[in-house]
Amino acid sequence: MKTSRIAVSIATALLFAVSVTQATANDAAGVGLDGDPEKGKEKAGQICQACHGLDGNGIPGQPVWPKLAGQHPRYIYKQLQNFKANERWNPQMSPMAMPLSEDEMANLAAYYSSLEQSGGTAEAELVALGEKIYRSGNPNTGVPACTGCHGPAGLGSNLAKFPRISGQYSEYTDQTLKLWRSAERKNDPNGMMRGVAAQLTDEEIAAVSAYIEGLSR
């Protein structure tokens, strides 16, 4: 059983590496993302600020809506595309994304990525377990370290479309990991996040979500 779990961890890490390599190849081939932050700001003021705030740091008291400030533009653009195509579904976001043009999605991505994230605070009693999961995973259950894709500071990768997760609301991260675990959300390349979340307990999800909120640049 232990050997099988180690094999799962290795296979997952290899999938991560393939995704990064492919993203780098695409960038070298000239696949870029251009957007106008000013036009993005105008559009955000029309349709986005009610949930994400015009500054991209969300609305106080509504942590189930993620911070978008400082997020990688390629990740934002991909999520908008997925919402538009019903590859990712949310009762509020999907109708908002469906009318957006390619240019509008690129502009919104450029705008929110240009903003400064407000950061967050970790719950002290959850830090030890959260840090262990984030930095080392859980070899006994085949959970890889989060650092493999999101980096030691949680900043992710624009080229690979791995999101910045540092400073994100713990409630949002907790909710998202559980959606991955149940496969209600399934727009992850090669099922990577579903594979990781499937092995996490509620306690581990709560702890790593709290730890991630406390990470900062």
N, C-alpha and C. Protein backbone atom coordinates (compact mmCIF):
# COMPACT_ATOMS: atom_id res chain seq x y z
N MET A 1 0.83 -1.21 0.00
CA MET A 1 0.00 0.00 0.00
C MET A 1 0.86 1.25 0.00
N LYS A 2 1.89 1.26 0.85
CA LYS A 2 2.77 2.43 0.92
C LYS A 2 3.47 2.66 -0.40
N THR A 3 3.92 1.58 -1.06
CA THR A 3 4.59 1.70 -2.36
C THR A 3 3.64 2.28 -3.39
N SER A 4 2.37 1.86 -3.35
CA SER A 4 1.38 2.37 -4.28
C SER A 4 1.18 3.86 -4.10
N ARG A 5 1.13 4.32 -2.84
CA ARG A 5 0.92 5.74 -2.57
C ARG A 5 2.11 6.56 -3.04
N ILE A 6 3.31 6.04 -2.86
CA ILE A 6 4.50 6.74 -3.34
C ILE A 6 4.46 6.84 -4.85
N ALA A 7 4.01 5.79 -5.51
CA ALA A 7 3.91 5.80 -6.97
C ALA A 7 2.93 6.86 -7.43
N VAL A 8 1.82 7.01 -6.70
CA VAL A 8 0.84 8.05 -7.03
C VAL A 8 1.47 9.43 -6.92
N SER A 9 2.24 9.65 -5.86
CA SER A 9 2.90 10.94 -5.67
C SER A 9 3.87 11.23 -6.80
N ILE A 10 4.64 10.22 -7.21
CA ILE A 10 5.60 10.41 -8.30
C ILE A 10 4.88 10.71 -9.60
N ALA A 11 3.80 9.97 -9.87
CA ALA A 11 3.05 10.17 -11.10
C ALA A 11 2.44 11.57 -11.15
N THR A 12 1.94 12.02 -9.99
CA THR A 12 1.36 13.37 -9.94
C THR A 12 2.42 14.43 -10.20
N ALA A 13 3.59 14.25 -9.60
CA ALA A 13 4.68 15.20 -9.81
C ALA A 13 5.10 15.24 -11.28
N LEU A 14 5.10 14.09 -11.94
CA LEU A 14 5.46 14.04 -13.35
C LEU A 14 4.44 14.79 -14.20
N LEU A 15 3.16 14.66 -13.85
CA LEU A 15 2.12 15.40 -14.57
C LEU A 15 2.33 16.90 -14.42
N PHE A 16 2.69 17.35 -13.20
CA PHE A 16 2.97 18.76 -12.98
C PHE A 16 4.12 19.22 -13.89
N ALA A 17 5.16 18.41 -13.94
CA ALA A 17 6.33 18.77 -14.74
C ALA A 17 5.98 18.87 -16.22
N VAL A 18 5.15 17.94 -16.71
CA VAL A 18 4.74 17.97 -18.12
C VAL A 18 3.96 19.24 -18.41
N SER A 19 3.07 19.64 -17.50
CA SER A 19 2.28 20.84 -17.70
C SER A 19 3.14 22.08 -17.77
N VAL A 20 4.12 22.17 -16.87
CA VAL A 20 5.03 23.32 -16.88
C VAL A 20 5.83 23.36 -18.18
N THR A 21 6.32 22.20 -18.61
CA THR A 21 7.11 22.14 -19.84
C THR A 21 6.28 22.57 -21.04
N GLN A 22 5.03 22.09 -21.10
CA GLN A 22 4.17 22.45 -22.22
C GLN A 22 3.86 23.94 -22.21
N ALA A 23 3.60 24.50 -21.03
CA ALA A 23 3.32 25.92 -20.94
C ALA A 23 4.50 26.75 -21.41
N THR A 24 5.71 26.33 -21.04
CA THR A 24 6.91 27.04 -21.46
C THR A 24 7.09 26.95 -22.97
N ALA A 25 6.80 25.78 -23.54
CA ALA A 25 6.90 25.61 -24.99
C ALA A 25 5.91 26.50 -25.71
N ASN A 26 4.69 26.59 -25.19
CA ASN A 26 3.69 27.45 -25.80
C ASN A 26 4.13 28.90 -25.80
N ASP A 27 4.71 29.33 -24.67
CA ASP A 27 5.17 30.72 -24.58
C ASP A 27 6.29 30.97 -25.58
N ALA A 28 7.20 30.02 -25.71
CA ALA A 28 8.31 30.18 -26.65
C ALA A 28 7.81 30.23 -28.08
N ALA A 29 6.68 29.56 -28.34
CA ALA A 29 6.12 29.55 -29.69
C ALA A 29 5.32 30.81 -30.00
N GLY A 30 5.24 31.70 -29.03
CA GLY A 30 4.57 32.97 -29.27
C GLY A 30 3.14 33.04 -28.81
N VAL A 31 2.69 32.06 -28.01
CA VAL A 31 1.34 32.09 -27.49
C VAL A 31 1.32 33.02 -26.29
N GLY A 32 0.87 34.25 -26.48
CA GLY A 32 0.91 35.24 -25.42
C GLY A 32 -0.49 35.67 -25.00
N LEU A 33 -0.57 36.65 -24.12
CA LEU A 33 -1.85 37.17 -23.67
C LEU A 33 -1.69 38.67 -23.50
N ASP A 34 -2.39 39.42 -24.35
CA ASP A 34 -2.35 40.87 -24.28
C ASP A 34 -3.70 41.37 -23.78
N GLY A 35 -3.67 42.39 -22.96
CA GLY A 35 -4.90 42.98 -22.47
C GLY A 35 -4.66 44.42 -22.07
N ASP A 36 -5.72 45.19 -22.05
CA ASP A 36 -5.66 46.61 -21.70
C ASP A 36 -6.21 46.78 -20.28
N PRO A 37 -5.35 47.08 -19.30
CA PRO A 37 -5.82 47.20 -17.91
C PRO A 37 -6.87 48.28 -17.72
N GLU A 38 -6.77 49.38 -18.45
CA GLU A 38 -7.75 50.46 -18.30
C GLU A 38 -9.13 50.03 -18.76
N LYS A 39 -9.17 49.33 -19.88
CA LYS A 39 -10.45 48.80 -20.34
C LYS A 39 -10.96 47.72 -19.39
N GLY A 40 -10.02 46.95 -18.84
CA GLY A 40 -10.40 45.95 -17.86
C GLY A 40 -10.99 46.57 -16.60
N LYS A 41 -10.42 47.68 -16.17
CA LYS A 41 -10.94 48.39 -14.99
C LYS A 41 -12.36 48.87 -15.23
N GLU A 42 -12.60 49.40 -16.42
CA GLU A 42 -13.95 49.87 -16.76
C GLU A 42 -14.96 48.71 -16.73
N LYS A 43 -14.57 47.60 -17.31
CA LYS A 43 -15.48 46.44 -17.34
C LYS A 43 -15.68 45.88 -15.94
N ALA A 44 -14.61 45.84 -15.15
CA ALA A 44 -14.71 45.33 -13.78
C ALA A 44 -15.70 46.16 -12.97
N GLY A 45 -15.69 47.47 -13.20
CA GLY A 45 -16.61 48.34 -12.49
C GLY A 45 -18.06 48.07 -12.85
N GLN A 46 -18.28 47.51 -14.03
CA GLN A 46 -19.64 47.22 -14.49
C GLN A 46 -20.17 45.89 -13.96
N ILE A 47 -19.30 44.86 -13.92
CA ILE A 47 -19.83 43.52 -13.64
C ILE A 47 -19.12 42.73 -12.53
N CYS A 48 -17.95 43.18 -12.10
CA CYS A 48 -17.15 42.34 -11.19
C CYS A 48 -17.07 42.84 -9.76
N GLN A 49 -17.19 44.15 -9.56
CA GLN A 49 -16.85 44.70 -8.26
C GLN A 49 -17.81 44.31 -7.15
N ALA A 50 -19.03 43.92 -7.49
CA ALA A 50 -19.99 43.55 -6.44
C ALA A 50 -19.49 42.36 -5.62
N CYS A 51 -18.74 41.46 -6.25
CA CYS A 51 -18.23 40.28 -5.53
C CYS A 51 -16.73 40.34 -5.26
N HIS A 52 -15.98 40.89 -6.20
CA HIS A 52 -14.51 40.87 -6.08
C HIS A 52 -13.93 42.22 -5.66
N GLY A 53 -14.76 43.25 -5.60
CA GLY A 53 -14.27 44.57 -5.26
C GLY A 53 -13.53 45.20 -6.42
N LEU A 54 -13.59 46.51 -6.55
CA LEU A 54 -12.88 47.16 -7.66
C LEU A 54 -11.38 47.04 -7.48
N ASP A 55 -10.93 46.87 -6.23
CA ASP A 55 -9.49 46.71 -5.99
C ASP A 55 -9.07 45.24 -6.07
N GLY A 56 -10.02 44.34 -6.36
CA GLY A 56 -9.69 42.94 -6.55
C GLY A 56 -9.47 42.15 -5.28
N ASN A 57 -9.73 42.75 -4.12
CA ASN A 57 -9.48 42.06 -2.85
C ASN A 57 -10.76 41.58 -2.18
N GLY A 58 -11.80 41.47 -2.96
CA GLY A 58 -13.04 40.92 -2.45
C GLY A 58 -13.83 41.90 -1.60
N ILE A 59 -14.89 41.39 -0.99
CA ILE A 59 -15.81 42.20 -0.20
C ILE A 59 -15.73 41.73 1.26
N PRO A 60 -15.52 42.64 2.20
CA PRO A 60 -15.46 42.24 3.62
C PRO A 60 -16.70 41.45 4.01
N GLY A 61 -16.47 40.34 4.70
CA GLY A 61 -17.57 39.50 5.14
C GLY A 61 -18.06 38.51 4.10
N GLN A 62 -17.44 38.50 2.92
CA GLN A 62 -17.84 37.58 1.86
C GLN A 62 -16.62 36.80 1.36
N PRO A 63 -15.97 36.00 2.21
CA PRO A 63 -14.72 35.35 1.83
C PRO A 63 -14.88 34.18 0.86
N VAL A 64 -16.12 33.83 0.50
CA VAL A 64 -16.28 32.74 -0.48
C VAL A 64 -16.01 33.23 -1.90
N TRP A 65 -15.88 34.56 -2.06
CA TRP A 65 -15.50 35.11 -3.36
C TRP A 65 -14.00 35.41 -3.31
N PRO A 66 -13.23 34.89 -4.27
CA PRO A 66 -11.77 35.00 -4.15
C PRO A 66 -11.22 36.39 -4.42
N LYS A 67 -10.07 36.64 -3.86
CA LYS A 67 -9.28 37.80 -4.24
C LYS A 67 -8.71 37.54 -5.64
N LEU A 68 -8.80 38.55 -6.50
CA LEU A 68 -8.21 38.45 -7.85
C LEU A 68 -7.00 39.35 -7.99
N ALA A 69 -6.82 40.27 -7.08
CA ALA A 69 -5.68 41.20 -7.15
C ALA A 69 -4.37 40.44 -7.11
N GLY A 70 -3.49 40.72 -8.07
CA GLY A 70 -2.18 40.09 -8.11
C GLY A 70 -2.18 38.69 -8.66
N GLN A 71 -3.35 38.22 -9.12
CA GLN A 71 -3.42 36.89 -9.70
C GLN A 71 -2.80 36.89 -11.09
N HIS A 72 -2.26 35.76 -11.53
CA HIS A 72 -1.63 35.68 -12.84
C HIS A 72 -2.66 35.88 -13.95
N PRO A 73 -2.33 36.71 -14.95
CA PRO A 73 -3.31 36.99 -16.01
C PRO A 73 -3.74 35.77 -16.79
N ARG A 74 -2.82 34.85 -17.04
CA ARG A 74 -3.21 33.65 -17.81
C ARG A 74 -4.20 32.79 -17.03
N TYR A 75 -4.04 32.74 -15.73
CA TYR A 75 -4.97 31.95 -14.92
C TYR A 75 -6.35 32.59 -14.93
N ILE A 76 -6.42 33.90 -14.73
CA ILE A 76 -7.71 34.59 -14.76
C ILE A 76 -8.39 34.39 -16.10
N TYR A 77 -7.62 34.56 -17.18
CA TYR A 77 -8.16 34.41 -18.53
C TYR A 77 -8.70 32.99 -18.74
N LYS A 78 -7.95 31.99 -18.29
CA LYS A 78 -8.39 30.60 -18.45
C LYS A 78 -9.68 30.34 -17.70
N GLN A 79 -9.78 30.85 -16.46
CA GLN A 79 -10.99 30.61 -15.68
C GLN A 79 -12.20 31.27 -16.34
N LEU A 80 -12.03 32.48 -16.86
CA LEU A 80 -13.13 33.14 -17.56
C LEU A 80 -13.55 32.35 -18.79
N GLN A 81 -12.57 31.85 -19.53
CA GLN A 81 -12.88 30.99 -20.68
C GLN A 81 -13.65 29.75 -20.24
N ASN A 82 -13.21 29.14 -19.14
CA ASN A 82 -13.87 27.93 -18.66
C ASN A 82 -15.30 28.21 -18.20
N PHE A 83 -15.50 29.32 -17.50
CA PHE A 83 -16.85 29.69 -17.10
C PHE A 83 -17.73 29.93 -18.34
N LYS A 84 -17.19 30.61 -19.31
CA LYS A 84 -17.95 30.92 -20.53
C LYS A 84 -18.36 29.65 -21.27
N ALA A 85 -17.47 28.66 -21.27
CA ALA A 85 -17.70 27.41 -22.02
C ALA A 85 -18.38 26.34 -21.16
N ASN A 86 -18.78 26.69 -19.92
CA ASN A 86 -19.38 25.72 -18.99
C ASN A 86 -18.44 24.57 -18.64
N GLU A 87 -17.13 24.82 -18.76
CA GLU A 87 -16.15 23.83 -18.30
C GLU A 87 -15.89 23.99 -16.81
N ARG A 88 -16.26 25.14 -16.29
CA ARG A 88 -16.31 25.38 -14.85
C ARG A 88 -17.63 26.10 -14.63
N TRP A 89 -18.36 25.66 -13.61
CA TRP A 89 -19.70 26.23 -13.43
C TRP A 89 -19.88 26.80 -12.04
N ASN A 90 -20.52 27.97 -12.01
CA ASN A 90 -20.89 28.62 -10.76
C ASN A 90 -22.14 29.44 -11.06
N PRO A 91 -23.15 29.41 -10.21
CA PRO A 91 -24.40 30.08 -10.53
C PRO A 91 -24.29 31.59 -10.69
N GLN A 92 -23.26 32.20 -10.07
CA GLN A 92 -23.06 33.64 -10.24
C GLN A 92 -22.07 33.94 -11.38
N MET A 93 -20.96 33.20 -11.40
CA MET A 93 -19.89 33.52 -12.35
C MET A 93 -20.22 33.12 -13.79
N SER A 94 -20.82 31.98 -13.97
CA SER A 94 -21.06 31.49 -15.33
C SER A 94 -21.89 32.48 -16.17
N PRO A 95 -23.01 32.99 -15.67
CA PRO A 95 -23.77 33.96 -16.46
C PRO A 95 -23.00 35.26 -16.73
N MET A 96 -22.12 35.65 -15.79
CA MET A 96 -21.32 36.86 -15.99
C MET A 96 -20.30 36.67 -17.11
N ALA A 97 -19.73 35.47 -17.20
CA ALA A 97 -18.66 35.22 -18.17
C ALA A 97 -19.18 34.96 -19.58
N MET A 98 -20.36 34.40 -19.70
CA MET A 98 -20.85 33.98 -21.02
C MET A 98 -20.89 35.09 -22.06
N PRO A 99 -21.27 36.33 -21.70
CA PRO A 99 -21.32 37.38 -22.74
C PRO A 99 -19.95 38.00 -23.07
N LEU A 100 -18.91 37.67 -22.29
CA LEU A 100 -17.62 38.34 -22.47
C LEU A 100 -16.95 37.92 -23.77
N SER A 101 -16.34 38.90 -24.45
CA SER A 101 -15.55 38.62 -25.64
C SER A 101 -14.13 38.22 -25.21
N GLU A 102 -13.36 37.71 -26.17
CA GLU A 102 -11.97 37.35 -25.87
C GLU A 102 -11.19 38.57 -25.39
N ASP A 103 -11.40 39.70 -26.03
CA ASP A 103 -10.69 40.93 -25.64
C ASP A 103 -11.08 41.35 -24.23
N GLU A 104 -12.38 41.27 -23.91
CA GLU A 104 -12.82 41.66 -22.57
C GLU A 104 -12.22 40.76 -21.50
N MET A 105 -12.12 39.47 -21.78
CA MET A 105 -11.50 38.56 -20.82
C MET A 105 -10.02 38.89 -20.63
N ALA A 106 -9.34 39.17 -21.73
CA ALA A 106 -7.92 39.53 -21.64
C ALA A 106 -7.74 40.84 -20.89
N ASN A 107 -8.64 41.80 -21.10
CA ASN A 107 -8.55 43.09 -20.42
C ASN A 107 -8.78 42.94 -18.91
N LEU A 108 -9.76 42.13 -18.54
CA LEU A 108 -10.01 41.90 -17.12
C LEU A 108 -8.82 41.20 -16.46
N ALA A 109 -8.24 40.24 -17.17
CA ALA A 109 -7.07 39.54 -16.64
C ALA A 109 -5.91 40.50 -16.43
N ALA A 110 -5.70 41.40 -17.39
CA ALA A 110 -4.62 42.37 -17.28
C ALA A 110 -4.85 43.33 -16.13
N TYR A 111 -6.11 43.74 -15.95
CA TYR A 111 -6.42 44.70 -14.89
C TYR A 111 -6.21 44.09 -13.51
N TYR A 112 -6.84 42.96 -13.24
CA TYR A 112 -6.75 42.39 -11.90
C TYR A 112 -5.33 41.94 -11.57
N SER A 113 -4.59 41.48 -12.56
CA SER A 113 -3.22 41.06 -12.29
C SER A 113 -2.31 42.23 -11.94
N SER A 114 -2.72 43.43 -12.33
CA SER A 114 -1.90 44.63 -12.06
C SER A 114 -2.11 45.19 -10.66
N LEU A 115 -3.10 44.69 -9.94
CA LEU A 115 -3.44 45.23 -8.63
C LEU A 115 -2.63 44.54 -7.52
N GLU A 116 -2.58 45.20 -6.37
CA GLU A 116 -1.85 44.66 -5.22
C GLU A 116 -2.79 43.91 -4.30
N GLN A 117 -2.41 42.68 -3.97
CA GLN A 117 -3.25 41.89 -3.08
C GLN A 117 -3.09 42.35 -1.64
N SER A 118 -4.15 42.23 -0.87
CA SER A 118 -4.13 42.72 0.51
C SER A 118 -3.47 41.77 1.49
N GLY A 119 -3.24 40.51 1.11
CA GLY A 119 -2.65 39.56 2.04
C GLY A 119 -3.67 39.05 3.05
N GLY A 120 -3.22 38.19 3.96
CA GLY A 120 -4.15 37.63 4.93
C GLY A 120 -3.42 37.16 6.17
N THR A 121 -4.17 36.53 7.09
CA THR A 121 -3.62 36.07 8.35
C THR A 121 -3.98 34.61 8.58
N ALA A 122 -3.01 33.81 8.99
CA ALA A 122 -3.26 32.40 9.27
C ALA A 122 -3.79 32.21 10.68
N GLU A 123 -4.66 31.23 10.86
CA GLU A 123 -5.12 30.85 12.19
C GLU A 123 -4.00 30.09 12.89
N ALA A 124 -3.53 30.62 14.01
CA ALA A 124 -2.33 30.11 14.67
C ALA A 124 -2.40 28.62 14.99
N GLU A 125 -3.58 28.15 15.40
CA GLU A 125 -3.68 26.75 15.82
C GLU A 125 -3.63 25.77 14.65
N LEU A 126 -3.76 26.27 13.43
CA LEU A 126 -3.75 25.41 12.26
C LEU A 126 -2.44 25.47 11.47
N VAL A 127 -1.55 26.36 11.87
CA VAL A 127 -0.34 26.62 11.08
C VAL A 127 0.56 25.40 10.97
N ALA A 128 0.78 24.69 12.07
CA ALA A 128 1.75 23.58 12.06
C ALA A 128 1.35 22.50 11.06
N LEU A 129 0.11 22.04 11.13
CA LEU A 129 -0.35 21.01 10.19
C LEU A 129 -0.43 21.57 8.78
N GLY A 130 -0.90 22.81 8.65
CA GLY A 130 -1.01 23.42 7.32
C GLY A 130 0.34 23.55 6.63
N GLU A 131 1.35 23.97 7.38
CA GLU A 131 2.68 24.09 6.80
C GLU A 131 3.23 22.72 6.41
N LYS A 132 2.98 21.71 7.23
CA LYS A 132 3.45 20.36 6.92
C LYS A 132 2.86 19.87 5.61
N ILE A 133 1.55 20.05 5.44
CA ILE A 133 0.90 19.62 4.20
C ILE A 133 1.41 20.43 3.02
N TYR A 134 1.52 21.75 3.22
CA TYR A 134 1.94 22.62 2.11
C TYR A 134 3.35 22.30 1.64
N ARG A 135 4.25 22.08 2.58
CA ARG A 135 5.67 21.93 2.22
C ARG A 135 6.10 20.48 2.02
N SER A 136 5.42 19.55 2.64
CA SER A 136 5.85 18.15 2.55
C SER A 136 4.78 17.20 2.04
N GLY A 137 3.54 17.66 1.96
CA GLY A 137 2.46 16.78 1.59
C GLY A 137 2.19 15.76 2.67
N ASN A 138 1.62 14.63 2.26
CA ASN A 138 1.40 13.51 3.18
C ASN A 138 1.77 12.23 2.44
N PRO A 139 3.02 11.78 2.59
CA PRO A 139 3.48 10.59 1.86
C PRO A 139 2.66 9.34 2.16
N ASN A 140 2.06 9.29 3.35
CA ASN A 140 1.28 8.11 3.73
C ASN A 140 -0.01 7.96 2.93
N THR A 141 -0.52 9.09 2.42
CA THR A 141 -1.77 9.03 1.65
C THR A 141 -1.58 9.46 0.21
N GLY A 142 -0.34 9.71 -0.19
CA GLY A 142 -0.07 10.07 -1.58
C GLY A 142 -0.33 11.53 -1.92
N VAL A 143 -0.39 12.40 -0.93
CA VAL A 143 -0.60 13.83 -1.17
C VAL A 143 0.75 14.51 -1.42
N PRO A 144 0.97 15.11 -2.60
CA PRO A 144 2.24 15.79 -2.85
C PRO A 144 2.27 17.16 -2.19
N ALA A 145 3.45 17.70 -2.02
CA ALA A 145 3.59 19.05 -1.46
C ALA A 145 3.01 20.09 -2.41
N CYS A 146 2.35 21.09 -1.86
CA CYS A 146 1.77 22.16 -2.66
C CYS A 146 2.85 22.99 -3.35
N THR A 147 4.05 23.00 -2.76
CA THR A 147 5.14 23.80 -3.31
C THR A 147 5.54 23.37 -4.71
N GLY A 148 5.24 22.12 -5.09
CA GLY A 148 5.63 21.63 -6.40
C GLY A 148 5.06 22.44 -7.54
N CYS A 149 3.85 22.98 -7.35
CA CYS A 149 3.22 23.80 -8.40
C CYS A 149 3.10 25.27 -7.99
N HIS A 150 2.80 25.50 -6.73
CA HIS A 150 2.51 26.87 -6.30
C HIS A 150 3.71 27.59 -5.70
N GLY A 151 4.83 26.86 -5.53
CA GLY A 151 6.04 27.49 -5.04
C GLY A 151 6.06 27.66 -3.54
N PRO A 152 7.25 27.86 -2.96
CA PRO A 152 7.38 27.97 -1.51
C PRO A 152 6.62 29.16 -0.92
N ALA A 153 6.42 30.21 -1.70
CA ALA A 153 5.70 31.39 -1.20
C ALA A 153 4.26 31.45 -1.71
N GLY A 154 3.82 30.42 -2.43
CA GLY A 154 2.45 30.38 -2.91
C GLY A 154 2.16 31.28 -4.09
N LEU A 155 3.20 31.63 -4.85
CA LEU A 155 3.03 32.59 -5.94
C LEU A 155 2.67 31.95 -7.27
N GLY A 156 2.72 30.62 -7.38
CA GLY A 156 2.30 29.96 -8.59
C GLY A 156 3.18 30.25 -9.79
N SER A 157 2.60 30.09 -10.99
CA SER A 157 3.34 30.29 -12.24
C SER A 157 2.40 30.80 -13.31
N ASN A 158 2.73 31.95 -13.88
CA ASN A 158 1.90 32.49 -14.96
C ASN A 158 1.95 31.60 -16.19
N LEU A 159 3.16 31.14 -16.57
CA LEU A 159 3.30 30.34 -17.78
C LEU A 159 2.50 29.04 -17.69
N ALA A 160 2.56 28.39 -16.54
CA ALA A 160 1.88 27.10 -16.37
C ALA A 160 0.42 27.25 -15.97
N LYS A 161 -0.02 28.50 -15.76
CA LYS A 161 -1.38 28.79 -15.31
C LYS A 161 -1.66 28.20 -13.93
N PHE A 162 -0.63 28.02 -13.12
CA PHE A 162 -0.82 27.64 -11.74
C PHE A 162 -1.08 28.92 -10.95
N PRO A 163 -2.20 29.02 -10.25
CA PRO A 163 -2.56 30.30 -9.64
C PRO A 163 -1.69 30.68 -8.45
N ARG A 164 -1.63 31.98 -8.23
CA ARG A 164 -1.13 32.46 -6.94
C ARG A 164 -2.19 32.11 -5.91
N ILE A 165 -1.78 31.48 -4.82
CA ILE A 165 -2.73 31.15 -3.77
C ILE A 165 -2.40 31.84 -2.45
N SER A 166 -1.21 32.40 -2.33
CA SER A 166 -0.84 33.07 -1.08
C SER A 166 -1.78 34.24 -0.80
N GLY A 167 -2.17 34.38 0.46
CA GLY A 167 -3.02 35.49 0.87
C GLY A 167 -4.49 35.30 0.55
N GLN A 168 -4.84 34.21 -0.13
CA GLN A 168 -6.24 33.97 -0.51
C GLN A 168 -7.06 33.65 0.73
N TYR A 169 -8.32 34.04 0.72
CA TYR A 169 -9.20 33.74 1.84
C TYR A 169 -9.20 32.24 2.12
N SER A 170 -9.03 31.86 3.38
CA SER A 170 -9.01 30.44 3.71
C SER A 170 -10.36 29.79 3.42
N GLU A 171 -11.44 30.52 3.60
CA GLU A 171 -12.76 29.97 3.32
C GLU A 171 -12.92 29.61 1.85
N TYR A 172 -12.36 30.47 0.99
CA TYR A 172 -12.45 30.18 -0.44
C TYR A 172 -11.60 28.97 -0.82
N THR A 173 -10.38 28.91 -0.29
CA THR A 173 -9.50 27.77 -0.59
C THR A 173 -10.10 26.48 -0.07
N ASP A 174 -10.65 26.51 1.13
CA ASP A 174 -11.30 25.34 1.72
C ASP A 174 -12.44 24.87 0.82
N GLN A 175 -13.28 25.79 0.42
CA GLN A 175 -14.41 25.47 -0.45
C GLN A 175 -13.94 24.88 -1.77
N THR A 176 -12.89 25.47 -2.34
CA THR A 176 -12.39 25.02 -3.64
C THR A 176 -11.78 23.62 -3.56
N LEU A 177 -11.00 23.35 -2.53
CA LEU A 177 -10.41 22.03 -2.37
C LEU A 177 -11.49 20.96 -2.23
N LYS A 178 -12.57 21.29 -1.55
CA LYS A 178 -13.66 20.32 -1.40
C LYS A 178 -14.41 20.13 -2.72
N LEU A 179 -14.50 21.17 -3.53
CA LEU A 179 -15.10 21.02 -4.87
C LEU A 179 -14.23 20.14 -5.75
N TRP A 180 -12.90 20.29 -5.65
CA TRP A 180 -11.99 19.39 -6.37
C TRP A 180 -12.19 17.96 -5.87
N ARG A 181 -12.25 17.81 -4.56
CA ARG A 181 -12.33 16.48 -3.97
C ARG A 181 -13.59 15.74 -4.41
N SER A 182 -14.69 16.46 -4.51
CA SER A 182 -15.96 15.84 -4.92
C SER A 182 -16.10 15.77 -6.43
N ALA A 183 -15.12 16.35 -7.16
CA ALA A 183 -15.16 16.42 -8.63
C ALA A 183 -16.31 17.28 -9.14
N GLU A 184 -16.87 18.14 -8.27
CA GLU A 184 -17.84 19.11 -8.76
C GLU A 184 -17.15 20.18 -9.60
N ARG A 185 -15.89 20.43 -9.27
CA ARG A 185 -15.06 21.27 -10.14
C ARG A 185 -14.06 20.35 -10.83
N LYS A 186 -13.93 20.50 -12.15
CA LYS A 186 -13.09 19.57 -12.89
C LYS A 186 -12.41 20.22 -14.09
N ASN A 187 -12.02 21.47 -13.96
CA ASN A 187 -11.32 22.14 -15.07
C ASN A 187 -9.81 22.19 -14.83
N ASP A 188 -9.31 21.23 -14.05
CA ASP A 188 -7.87 21.14 -13.81
C ASP A 188 -7.22 20.25 -14.87
N PRO A 189 -6.11 20.70 -15.48
CA PRO A 189 -5.43 19.88 -16.49
C PRO A 189 -5.02 18.52 -15.95
N ASN A 190 -5.35 17.48 -16.68
CA ASN A 190 -4.97 16.11 -16.31
C ASN A 190 -5.53 15.66 -14.97
N GLY A 191 -6.53 16.35 -14.47
CA GLY A 191 -7.13 15.97 -13.19
C GLY A 191 -6.19 16.13 -12.01
N MET A 192 -5.20 17.02 -12.13
CA MET A 192 -4.17 17.13 -11.10
C MET A 192 -4.74 17.49 -9.74
N MET A 193 -5.54 18.55 -9.69
CA MET A 193 -6.04 18.98 -8.38
C MET A 193 -7.07 18.02 -7.82
N ARG A 194 -7.85 17.39 -8.68
CA ARG A 194 -8.79 16.39 -8.19
C ARG A 194 -8.04 15.22 -7.55
N GLY A 195 -6.94 14.84 -8.16
CA GLY A 195 -6.14 13.75 -7.62
C GLY A 195 -5.54 14.08 -6.26
N VAL A 196 -5.09 15.33 -6.11
CA VAL A 196 -4.52 15.76 -4.84
C VAL A 196 -5.60 15.85 -3.77
N ALA A 197 -6.70 16.56 -4.09
CA ALA A 197 -7.74 16.82 -3.10
C ALA A 197 -8.45 15.54 -2.66
N ALA A 198 -8.50 14.55 -3.52
CA ALA A 198 -9.19 13.30 -3.20
C ALA A 198 -8.59 12.62 -1.98
N GLN A 199 -7.30 12.90 -1.71
CA GLN A 199 -6.60 12.25 -0.60
C GLN A 199 -6.58 13.11 0.68
N LEU A 200 -7.14 14.31 0.61
CA LEU A 200 -7.09 15.21 1.77
C LEU A 200 -8.31 15.02 2.67
N THR A 201 -8.07 15.06 3.97
CA THR A 201 -9.16 15.03 4.94
C THR A 201 -9.69 16.44 5.16
N ASP A 202 -10.85 16.56 5.78
CA ASP A 202 -11.38 17.88 6.12
C ASP A 202 -10.41 18.65 7.00
N GLU A 203 -9.78 17.96 7.95
CA GLU A 203 -8.83 18.60 8.86
C GLU A 203 -7.63 19.14 8.08
N GLU A 204 -7.11 18.36 7.14
CA GLU A 204 -5.97 18.79 6.35
C GLU A 204 -6.34 19.96 5.45
N ILE A 205 -7.53 19.92 4.88
CA ILE A 205 -7.98 21.01 4.02
C ILE A 205 -8.10 22.30 4.82
N ALA A 206 -8.70 22.23 5.99
CA ALA A 206 -8.84 23.44 6.83
C ALA A 206 -7.47 23.99 7.21
N ALA A 207 -6.54 23.11 7.56
CA ALA A 207 -5.22 23.56 8.00
C ALA A 207 -4.42 24.17 6.86
N VAL A 208 -4.37 23.52 5.72
CA VAL A 208 -3.57 24.05 4.62
C VAL A 208 -4.19 25.33 4.06
N SER A 209 -5.53 25.43 4.10
CA SER A 209 -6.20 26.66 3.65
C SER A 209 -5.83 27.84 4.54
N ALA A 210 -5.81 27.59 5.86
CA ALA A 210 -5.44 28.65 6.80
C ALA A 210 -3.99 29.05 6.61
N TYR A 211 -3.11 28.07 6.44
CA TYR A 211 -1.69 28.36 6.25
C TYR A 211 -1.47 29.19 4.98
N ILE A 212 -2.15 28.84 3.90
CA ILE A 212 -2.02 29.55 2.63
C ILE A 212 -2.44 31.01 2.77
N GLU A 213 -3.50 31.27 3.54
CA GLU A 213 -3.93 32.65 3.71
C GLU A 213 -2.84 33.48 4.37
N GLY A 214 -2.06 32.87 5.22
CA GLY A 214 -1.00 33.61 5.92
C GLY A 214 0.26 33.82 5.12
N LEU A 215 0.37 33.14 3.97
CA LEU A 215 1.56 33.35 3.13
C LEU A 215 1.50 34.72 2.48
N SER A 216 2.67 35.33 2.28
CA SER A 216 2.72 36.62 1.61
C SER A 216 4.04 36.70 0.85
N ARG A 217 4.16 37.72 0.00
CA ARG A 217 5.35 37.88 -0.83
C ARG A 217 6.60 38.03 0.03
